[in-house]
Amino acid sequence: MTPGTFDTGKSHRKIAGETRRIKVIRTLTRKSWVHSAAKLVISHMERRGGTPYQIDAIRSFADDFKHAYLKEKPCIYTSAFVPNELIYGLGGVPFLPEAASGFAASFGFARESLAACESLWYSPDLCSFHRAGVGASVLELAPRPAAVVVSSHLCDGGKRSLYQISRYHDCPFYILDVPYTNSVQSLDRLAKQIGKVARGLEHEVPGLSKAHMDEAIANSNAARSHYLRLCNLRANIPSPWRGREALSYVVLFLWSWGSPWLTKFYQALANHAADVIQSGEYPVRNERFRLAWSNLKPYYSPRLFDYLEDECEVSIAFEEFSYMYWDPLDARDPYVSLAKKIMSNPGWGPIERRLEVVNRIIREFSIDGVVQFAQWGCRQYNGATSVLSDYLRKKGIPFLNLDGDGVDARNSGEAQSLTRLGAFLELMESRDIRNSR
């Protein structure tokens, strides 16, 4: 077996990371009574006065996981920037291994997934979100995919690791080759690719049909309206929502467009933000500074955010990954609409597109400084660090490039990160950033 490839005849039980708790989790996720029990627990949380938007988020994932693990609907693996309206619109459920890696880290079993991937000779310089996703798939912690759909943007490691997963599970693999130039011809080419992928999935995966597309597009547009209201509320000073929680819910922003639950989630969350503003019960009341956060976060420890929000009274007012960059979708021409959504991503194409979005975030959310979490192995974002740093310096915006790893705690230098954050805030204080702008 060559490095970075799977022996498709190899049992997952011979792969590193096969611990007792992994066996238990793998078994339980495929039991119908477990999903029925989860539904009862969620209902109990609601009756006990649980926070509505948190309950809606749990319901969203619980619903998708039930359909995927019990094979009630075809489970389609997608990379992070595939528009999942396509999957919901065909009657399937999406599963994002790299996003699910954040769950694994949060619940403390990323170590086994990483060990499984490394036993297949994957290089440790590959992003840990992808390594943990591969490991979870071969350990069968993740549901079995009926097909895999990836896009060529933004992440090179994502499409390659998902290709290997498709080989391991012997399922169809589709790639959307996103044109680099933004033109009428490029849009047409991409829209035709999306249509071809949709037809291929309908043909090769039993249970998929484009009969659900209008509903998925309507769900996406409705969620978008509530999300824009939420963004307007997050511009309030002080911030009405904790940044640590916002970064956790970035996974919904990547995963659930087209789901009926996303509309309910963003509506409830916008209502929550409005209630906080009305009551004045802000999570960081004496807000010293407002930061914008680029890329993801360490999912295995809240210590950085305890320090920022609780000890230093600094808010993460908005995240680059949370920026709404696409227009409402058109159900009359869904594939063209989805192509426009893909090509509107500010991370694709010339770096100036991303810089303009960062500048908008700074203006719209009254940002005092920018922190980029330099995820280990993330070539897309780390490669642009010097350009972003120079751009912000010219605008007088303090910038910190914070090395770390969102999933693999072995690559974490938490004490060093806390020291660097503290020095960064001292710099902002000494320059009187808030009053000088």
Foldseek 3Di string as FASTA:
>chain_A
DDFPADDLVDALVVFFLPDPVLVVLLVLLQDLVNLVVVVVVLVVCVVVPHQQLVSLVSVLVSVQSSCQSPVVFAEEEEEQQQPCLLQVLFVHAYDYQLLCLLVCLQVPSLVSLLRRLVSSVDDPLAASSLSSSLSCLSSNSGGQHQEYEYECPDFPSRLSSVVSSCVSSVHYYAYQDQDQDDDPVRLVVSLVSSVVVSVVCPVRPPPTHSNRSVQLLVLLLLLVVLLVLQLLLLLDPPGQDAPVVVLNCLSCVRGPRSPNSSNSSSNSNSVSSVVCVVVVVGQLNPAPFEEEEEDGAASNDCVLSCCQCVVVSHGPSYYLSSDDFADRADSVRRSSRSSRSSVRPQLGHDVVSSLVSVVVCCVSNVHQAYEYEAARNGCSVVVCVVVNCVSVVVVVHHYHYQYAHRNDCVRGPPVVSNVSVVVSVVVCVVVVRSVVD
